[in-house]
C-alpha atoms as a PDB file:
ATOM      1  CA  MET A   1     172.726-285.066   3.843  1.00  0.00           C
ATOM      2  CA  ASP A   2     168.919-285.543   3.715  1.00  0.00           C
ATOM      3  CA  MET A   3     169.318-289.266   4.380  1.00  0.00           C
ATOM      4  CA  THR A   4     171.558-288.564   7.382  1.00  0.00           C
ATOM      5  CA  LEU A   5     168.993-286.118   8.781  1.00  0.00           C
ATOM      6  CA  GLN A   6     166.186-288.646   8.363  1.00  0.00           C
ATOM      7  CA  ILE A   7     168.190-291.305  10.175  1.00  0.00           C
ATOM      8  CA  TYR A   8     168.952-288.855  12.994  1.00  0.00           C
ATOM      9  CA  ARG A   9     165.282-287.954  13.385  1.00  0.00           C
ATOM     10  CA  LYS A  10     164.205-291.588  13.460  1.00  0.00           C
ATOM     11  CA  MET A  11     166.862-292.371  16.047  1.00  0.00           C
ATOM     12  CA  LYS A  12     165.785-289.452  18.240  1.00  0.00           C
ATOM     13  CA  THR A  13     162.149-290.553  18.037  1.00  0.00           C
ATOM     14  CA  LYS A  14     163.131-294.051  19.157  1.00  0.00           C
ATOM     15  CA  ILE A  15     165.221-292.583  21.970  1.00  0.00           C
ATOM     16  CA  ILE A  16     162.242-290.536  23.208  1.00  0.00           C
ATOM     17  CA  PHE A  17     159.944-293.573  23.140  1.00  0.00           C
ATOM     18  CA  PHE A  18     162.598-295.743  24.817  1.00  0.00           C
ATOM     19  CA  GLY A  19     163.112-293.019  27.426  1.00  0.00           C
ATOM     20  CA  ILE A  20     159.432-293.129  28.373  1.00  0.00           C
ATOM     21  CA  ILE A  21     159.609-296.905  28.828  1.00  0.00           C
ATOM     22  CA  VAL A  22     162.792-296.646  30.899  1.00  0.00           C
ATOM     23  CA  MET A  23     161.193-293.929  33.024  1.00  0.00           C
ATOM     24  CA  LEU A  24     158.205-296.140  33.828  1.00  0.00           C
ATOM     25  CA  PHE A  25     160.529-299.018  34.730  1.00  0.00           C
ATOM     26  CA  SER A  26     163.006-296.978  36.769  1.00  0.00           C
ATOM     27  CA  CYS A  27     160.251-295.446  38.908  1.00  0.00           C
ATOM     28  CA  LYS A  28     159.341-298.952  40.010  1.00  0.00           C
ATOM     29  CA  GLN A  29     162.973-299.711  40.813  1.00  0.00           C
ATOM     30  CA  GLU A  30     162.998-296.975  43.454  1.00  0.00           C
ATOM     31  CA  GLN A  31     160.597-299.148  45.400  1.00  0.00           C
ATOM     32  CA  LEU A  32     162.210-301.971  47.340  1.00  0.00           C
ATOM     33  CA  ARG A  33     161.092-305.374  46.047  1.00  0.00           C
ATOM     34  CA  ASN A  34     161.516-308.808  47.635  1.00  0.00           C
ATOM     35  CA  SER A  35     162.458-307.569  51.078  1.00  0.00           C
ATOM     36  CA  TYR A  36     165.063-309.454  53.071  1.00  0.00           C
ATOM     37  CA  ILE A  37     163.812-307.991  56.380  1.00  0.00           C
ATOM     38  CA  TYR A  38     160.434-308.632  58.001  1.00  0.00           C
ATOM     39  CA  PHE A  39     159.107-308.216  61.523  1.00  0.00           C
ATOM     40  CA  ASN A  40     157.118-310.676  63.617  1.00  0.00           C
ATOM     41  CA  GLU A  41     154.382-308.135  64.472  1.00  0.00           C
ATOM     42  CA  PRO A  42     153.399-304.531  63.701  1.00  0.00           C
ATOM     43  CA  GLN A  43     156.020-302.096  64.946  1.00  0.00           C
ATOM     44  CA  PRO A  44     156.686-300.766  67.432  1.00  0.00           C
ATOM     45  CA  VAL A  45     155.166-303.161  69.970  1.00  0.00           C
ATOM     46  CA  ASN A  46     152.943-301.781  72.747  1.00  0.00           C
ATOM     47  CA  VAL A  47     152.063-298.675  70.713  1.00  0.00           C
ATOM     48  CA  GLU A  48     148.484-298.048  69.580  1.00  0.00           C
ATOM     49  CA  THR A  49     147.577-298.045  65.907  1.00  0.00           C
ATOM     50  CA  VAL A  50     146.021-294.989  64.251  1.00  0.00           C
ATOM     51  CA  ASN A  51     143.235-294.848  61.661  1.00  0.00           C
ATOM     52  CA  SER A  52     144.467-291.680  59.973  1.00  0.00           C
ATOM     53  CA  PHE A  53     147.453-289.352  60.031  1.00  0.00           C
ATOM     54  CA  PRO A  54     147.151-286.199  62.177  1.00  0.00           C
ATOM     55  CA  LYS A  55     147.081-282.807  60.498  1.00  0.00           C
ATOM     56  CA  LYS A  56     150.601-281.887  61.624  1.00  0.00           C
ATOM     57  CA  TYR A  57     152.047-284.656  59.413  1.00  0.00           C
ATOM     58  CA  ILE A  58     150.032-283.781  56.307  1.00  0.00           C
ATOM     59  CA  GLY A  59     151.790-282.015  53.461  1.00  0.00           C
ATOM     60  CA  THR A  60     153.917-282.329  50.344  1.00  0.00           C
ATOM     61  CA  PHE A  61     157.670-282.748  50.720  1.00  0.00           C
ATOM     62  CA  SER A  62     160.175-282.632  47.868  1.00  0.00           C
ATOM     63  CA  ARG A  63     163.666-283.844  47.063  1.00  0.00           C
ATOM     64  CA  ASP A  64     163.622-281.668  43.947  1.00  0.00           C
ATOM     65  CA  TYR A  65     161.107-280.538  41.333  1.00  0.00           C
ATOM     66  CA  SER A  66     160.730-284.071  39.987  1.00  0.00           C
ATOM     67  CA  ASN A  67     160.444-286.104  43.199  1.00  0.00           C
ATOM     68  CA  SER A  68     157.915-285.521  45.976  1.00  0.00           C
ATOM     69  CA  LEU A  69     156.301-287.317  48.892  1.00  0.00           C
ATOM     70  CA  LYS A  70     152.668-286.436  49.597  1.00  0.00           C
ATOM     71  CA  ILE A  71     151.073-287.300  52.932  1.00  0.00           C
ATOM     72  CA  GLU A  72     147.304-287.016  53.370  1.00  0.00           C
ATOM     73  CA  SER A  73     145.159-288.202  56.271  1.00  0.00           C
ATOM     74  CA  LYS A  74     144.423-291.561  54.623  1.00  0.00           C
ATOM     75  CA  TYR A  75     147.317-292.247  52.270  1.00  0.00           C
ATOM     76  CA  VAL A  76     150.942-291.614  51.330  1.00  0.00           C
ATOM     77  CA  LEU A  77     151.973-291.065  47.692  1.00  0.00           C
ATOM     78  CA  LYS A  78     155.328-290.865  45.964  1.00  0.00           C
ATOM     79  CA  ILE A  79     155.216-288.481  42.980  1.00  0.00           C
ATOM     80  CA  ASN A  80     157.757-288.577  40.153  1.00  0.00           C
ATOM     81  CA  ILE A  81     157.705-286.032  37.303  1.00  0.00           C
ATOM     82  CA  ASN A  82     159.621-286.834  34.119  1.00  0.00           C
ATOM     83  CA  SER A  83     160.122-284.312  31.300  1.00  0.00           C
ATOM     84  CA  PHE A  84     160.423-285.040  27.569  1.00  0.00           C
ATOM     85  CA  ASP A  85     160.744-282.963  24.417  1.00  0.00           C
ATOM     86  CA  ALA A  86     160.245-283.564  20.709  1.00  0.00           C
ATOM     87  CA  THR A  87     159.585-281.685  17.499  1.00  0.00           C
ATOM     88  CA  ARG A  88     156.077-281.618  16.064  1.00  0.00           C
ATOM     89  CA  LYS A  89     157.113-284.087  13.358  1.00  0.00           C
ATOM     90  CA  GLN A  90     158.593-286.482  15.887  1.00  0.00           C
ATOM     91  CA  MET A  91     155.356-286.405  17.896  1.00  0.00           C
ATOM     92  CA  ASP A  92     153.562-287.921  14.906  1.00  0.00           C
ATOM     93  CA  SER A  93     155.869-290.941  15.167  1.00  0.00           C
ATOM     94  CA  LEU A  94     155.207-291.669  18.863  1.00  0.00           C
ATOM     95  CA  PRO A  95     152.587-294.453  18.914  1.00  0.00           C
ATOM     96  CA  GLU A  96     151.392-293.899  22.490  1.00  0.00           C
ATOM     97  CA  LEU A  97     150.975-290.114  22.336  1.00  0.00           C
ATOM     98  CA  GLU A  98     149.170-287.482  20.309  1.00  0.00           C
ATOM     99  CA  PHE A  99     149.515-283.697  20.137  1.00  0.00           C
ATOM    100  CA  ARG A 100     146.461-281.521  19.585  1.00  0.00           C
ATOM    101  CA  ASN A 101     145.419-278.018  20.638  1.00  0.00           C
ATOM    102  CA  ASN A 102     148.941-277.506  22.006  1.00  0.00           C
ATOM    103  CA  ILE A 103     148.551-280.347  24.532  1.00  0.00           C
ATOM    104  CA  VAL A 104     150.111-283.829  24.604  1.00  0.00           C
ATOM    105  CA  TYR A 105     147.642-286.669  25.288  1.00  0.00           C
ATOM    106  CA  ASP A 106     147.949-290.356  26.038  1.00  0.00           C
ATOM    107  CA  LYS A 107     146.159-292.040  23.119  1.00  0.00           C
ATOM    108  CA  ALA A 108     144.817-294.943  25.176  1.00  0.00           C
ATOM    109  CA  THR A 109     143.449-293.005  28.162  1.00  0.00           C
ATOM    110  CA  GLN A 110     143.149-289.502  26.675  1.00  0.00           C
ATOM    111  CA  LYS A 111     144.950-288.208  29.739  1.00  0.00           C
ATOM    112  CA  ALA A 112     146.359-284.715  29.154  1.00  0.00           C
ATOM    113  CA  TYR A 113     149.953-283.995  30.165  1.00  0.00           C
ATOM    114  CA  LYS A 114     151.331-280.649  31.257  1.00  0.00           C
ATOM    115  CA  THR A 115     152.704-279.239  27.999  1.00  0.00           C
ATOM    116  CA  PHE A 116     154.961-276.361  26.964  1.00  0.00           C
ATOM    117  CA  VAL A 117     155.365-275.294  23.341  1.00  0.00           C
ATOM    118  CA  LYS A 118     158.264-273.172  22.144  1.00  0.00           C
ATOM    119  CA  ASN A 119     158.585-272.665  18.397  1.00  0.00           C
ATOM    120  CA  ASP A 120     158.804-276.179  16.903  1.00  0.00           C
ATOM    121  CA  THR A 121     159.704-277.873  20.183  1.00  0.00           C
ATOM    122  CA  ILE A 122     157.102-279.552  22.366  1.00  0.00           C
ATOM    123  CA  GLN A 123     157.909-280.293  25.998  1.00  0.00           C
ATOM    124  CA  TRP A 124     155.654-282.340  28.245  1.00  0.00           C
ATOM    125  CA  GLU A 125     155.701-283.862  31.706  1.00  0.00           C
ATOM    126  CA  ILE A 126     154.519-287.302  32.768  1.00  0.00           C
ATOM    127  CA  GLU A 127     153.574-287.602  36.431  1.00  0.00           C
ATOM    128  CA  GLN A 128     153.869-291.021  38.049  1.00  0.00           C
ATOM    129  CA  LEU A 129     151.921-291.653  41.266  1.00  0.00           C
ATOM    130  CA  ASP A 130     152.908-294.570  43.473  1.00  0.00           C
ATOM    131  CA  THR A 131     150.745-295.343  46.515  1.00  0.00           C
ATOM    132  CA  LEU A 132     153.073-296.193  49.383  1.00  0.00           C
ATOM    133  CA  PHE A 133     150.390-296.599  52.051  1.00  0.00           C
ATOM    134  CA  SER A 134     146.591-296.368  52.117  1.00  0.00           C
ATOM    135  CA  PHE A 135     145.290-298.054  55.290  1.00  0.00           C
ATOM    136  CA  ALA A 136     144.394-301.160  53.278  1.00  0.00           C
ATOM    137  CA  GLU A 137     143.154-304.268  55.106  1.00  0.00           C
ATOM    138  CA  ASN A 138     146.705-305.574  55.499  1.00  0.00           C
ATOM    139  CA  GLU A 139     148.193-302.191  56.470  1.00  0.00           C
ATOM    140  CA  THR A 140     148.465-300.638  59.927  1.00  0.00           C
ATOM    141  CA  ALA A 141     150.112-297.403  61.009  1.00  0.00           C
ATOM    142  CA  LYS A 142     151.579-296.241  64.291  1.00  0.00           C
ATOM    143  CA  ILE A 143     153.082-292.933  65.389  1.00  0.00           C
ATOM    144  CA  TYR A 144     156.237-293.142  67.472  1.00  0.00           C
ATOM    145  CA  LYS A 145     159.048-290.678  68.212  1.00  0.00           C
ATOM    146  CA  SER A 146     157.916-288.159  65.549  1.00  0.00           C
ATOM    147  CA  SER A 147     157.778-290.937  62.952  1.00  0.00           C
ATOM    148  CA  LEU A 148     155.023-292.600  60.957  1.00  0.00           C
ATOM    149  CA  ILE A 149     155.570-296.354  61.135  1.00  0.00           C
ATOM    150  CA  LEU A 150     153.898-298.067  58.167  1.00  0.00           C
ATOM    151  CA  ASN A 151     153.286-301.793  58.622  1.00  0.00           C
ATOM    152  CA  LYS A 152     152.156-304.147  55.868  1.00  0.00           C
ATOM    153  CA  ALA A 153     151.204-307.765  56.601  1.00  0.00           C
ATOM    154  CA  ILE A 154     152.681-310.297  54.167  1.00  0.00           C
ATOM    155  CA  ASP A 155     152.219-314.045  54.773  1.00  0.00           C
ATOM    156  CA  GLY A 156     152.048-313.665  58.542  1.00  0.00           C
ATOM    157  CA  ASN A 157     155.010-311.312  58.853  1.00  0.00           C
ATOM    158  CA  TYR A 158     155.273-307.537  58.523  1.00  0.00           C
ATOM    159  CA  LEU A 159     157.122-305.284  56.128  1.00  0.00           C
ATOM    160  CA  VAL A 160     157.940-302.000  57.874  1.00  0.00           C
ATOM    161  CA  ASN A 161     158.585-298.616  56.249  1.00  0.00           C
ATOM    162  CA  ILE A 162     159.230-295.417  58.169  1.00  0.00           C
ATOM    163  CA  ILE A 163     158.667-291.707  57.587  1.00  0.00           C
ATOM    164  CA  LYS A 164     160.822-289.904  60.116  1.00  0.00           C
ATOM    165  CA  PHE A 165     160.172-286.189  60.653  1.00  0.00           C
ATOM    166  CA  ASP A 166     162.809-283.644  61.563  1.00  0.00           C
ATOM    167  CA  PHE A 167     162.664-279.876  61.984  1.00  0.00           C
ATOM    168  CA  LEU A 168     163.074-279.016  58.285  1.00  0.00           C
ATOM    169  CA  SER A 169     162.755-282.338  56.492  1.00  0.00           C
ATOM    170  CA  ASN A 170     161.639-285.928  56.662  1.00  0.00           C
ATOM    171  CA  LYS A 171     163.194-289.223  55.714  1.00  0.00           C
ATOM    172  CA  TYR A 172     161.352-292.029  53.947  1.00  0.00           C
ATOM    173  CA  LEU A 173     162.972-295.336  54.800  1.00  0.00           C
ATOM    174  CA  GLN A 174     162.249-298.743  53.320  1.00  0.00           C
ATOM    175  CA  LEU A 175     163.897-301.394  55.465  1.00  0.00           C
ATOM    176  CA  GLY A 176     164.703-304.556  53.640  1.00  0.00           C
ATOM    177  CA  THR A 177     168.106-305.337  52.105  1.00  0.00           C
ATOM    178  CA  ARG A 178     170.828-307.708  53.266  1.00  0.00           C
ATOM    179  CA  LYS A 179     173.067-304.703  53.846  1.00  0.00           C
ATOM    180  CA  ASP A 180     170.382-303.145  56.050  1.00  0.00           C
ATOM    181  CA  PHE A 181     170.213-306.327  58.106  1.00  0.00           C
ATOM    182  CA  THR A 182     173.998-306.354  58.509  1.00  0.00           C
ATOM    183  CA  ILE A 183     173.859-302.803  59.903  1.00  0.00           C
ATOM    184  CA  ILE A 184     171.036-303.668  62.295  1.00  0.00           C
ATOM    185  CA  ASN A 185     172.550-306.959  63.418  1.00  0.00           C
ATOM    186  CA  ASN A 186     176.013-305.501  64.020  1.00  0.00           C
ATOM    187  CA  LEU A 187     174.793-302.509  66.025  1.00  0.00           C
ATOM    188  CA  LEU A 188     171.660-303.688  67.825  1.00  0.00           C
ATOM    189  CA  LYS A 189     171.681-307.494  68.071  1.00  0.00           C
ATOM    190  CA  ILE A 190     167.896-307.732  67.723  1.00  0.00           C
ATOM    191  CA  PRO A 191     166.602-311.325  68.058  1.00  0.00           C
ATOM    192  CA  PHE A 192     165.517-312.823  64.740  1.00  0.00           C
ATOM    193  CA  ASP A 193     164.469-315.984  62.956  1.00  0.00           C
ATOM    194  CA  ALA A 194     166.034-316.883  59.619  1.00  0.00           C
ATOM    195  CA  ASN A 195     164.159-318.517  56.751  1.00  0.00           C
ATOM    196  CA  VAL A 196     166.612-320.891  55.065  1.00  0.00           C
ATOM    197  CA  GLU A 197     166.170-322.586  51.693  1.00  0.00           C
ATOM    198  CA  ASN A 198     168.866-324.730  50.082  1.00  0.00           C
ATOM    199  CA  SER A 199     171.390-323.599  52.704  1.00  0.00           C
ATOM    200  CA  ASP A 200     170.719-319.937  51.844  1.00  0.00           C
ATOM    201  CA  THR A 201     168.937-317.432  54.090  1.00  0.00           C
ATOM    202  CA  THR A 202     166.142-315.963  51.963  1.00  0.00           C
ATOM    203  CA  PHE A 203     164.822-313.551  54.600  1.00  0.00           C
ATOM    204  CA  VAL A 204     164.913-312.794  58.311  1.00  0.00           C
ATOM    205  CA  VAL A 205     162.130-311.981  60.773  1.00  0.00           C
ATOM    206  CA  LEU A 206     163.174-309.474  63.423  1.00  0.00           C
ATOM    207  CA  LYS A 207     161.660-309.568  66.928  1.00  0.00           C
ATOM    208  CA  PRO A 208     162.511-306.202  68.477  1.00  0.00           C
ATOM    209  CA  SER A 209     161.323-304.819  71.780  1.00  0.00           C
ATOM    210  CA  ARG A 210     160.032-301.265  71.775  1.00  0.00           C
ATOM    211  CA  SER A 211     163.432-300.186  73.102  1.00  0.00           C
ATOM    212  CA  ASP A 212     165.135-302.016  70.222  1.00  0.00           C
ATOM    213  CA  PHE A 213     162.915-300.259  67.702  1.00  0.00           C
ATOM    214  CA  ARG A 214     163.618-296.862  69.257  1.00  0.00           C
ATOM    215  CA  LYS A 215     167.340-297.501  68.763  1.00  0.00           C
ATOM    216  CA  LEU A 216     166.701-298.644  65.189  1.00  0.00           C
ATOM    217  CA  LEU A 217     165.034-295.299  64.427  1.00  0.00           C
ATOM    218  CA  ARG A 218     168.283-293.537  65.293  1.00  0.00           C
ATOM    219  CA  LEU A 219     170.337-295.461  62.732  1.00  0.00           C
ATOM    220  CA  ASP A 220     171.350-294.103  59.320  1.00  0.00           C
ATOM    221  CA  GLY A 221     173.015-295.448  56.202  1.00  0.00           C
ATOM    222  CA  PHE A 222     170.304-297.795  54.936  1.00  0.00           C
ATOM    223  CA  GLU A 223     170.132-298.484  51.208  1.00  0.00           C
ATOM    224  CA  TYR A 224     166.586-297.283  50.531  1.00  0.00           C
ATOM    225  CA  GLU A 225     166.374-294.032  52.468  1.00  0.00           C
ATOM    226  CA  LYS A 226     165.456-290.725  50.835  1.00  0.00           C
ATOM    227  CA  MET A 227     165.358-287.214  52.266  1.00  0.00           C
ATOM    228  CA  TYR A 228     162.406-284.934  51.478  1.00  0.00           C
ATOM    229  CA  TYR A 229     162.054-281.256  52.360  1.00  0.00           C
ATOM    230  CA  PHE A 230     159.106-278.944  52.968  1.00  0.00           C
ATOM    231  CA  LYS A 231     157.642-277.693  49.706  1.00  0.00           C
END
């Protein structure tokens, strides 16, 4: 019986540690990588760029307790909160963490995590911050049709993400998958150039007019779109 309990505790400790690793990896997977869709210039065309976001767009918007979008005048952050629990004995077996004075710390950075202690159970939260936009040298922003249009220059083309505001919520949209392009191409017929390697199209460069982009803003059903609500 004692041996079985020891095995169970060791397995749970490994599961907790593995869960932290998976959490760090999965947060990155929510970000679109290797986009299939680019634009030939910052979008939308013939709209002035802005150097900061106006006050009316600033705030924190949430999908739930664990997932938020924070907009400040000079940056946009995605915030993910992940919760874990362990017994005091199990905490001693986690190589990256330490528990002292009723607080969980990262051993390497000494960062303190929000901690709750109930009897022998320790619960803590790890907050992941992902900068989506920060007015970097290769980033430009425009405001169009109650939307923040976030442009990022990559090798002469532009990756475009959108934060679209509605009365009670906003939508964060990363344009970039093959499925997204199929939707756009079927409904809007925007001119584009295709980059072809070994008979396979690796990415496309869209060339929309301002009217085309306005119509694109009305579309739904893209793969990387998330709804956030006022917090």
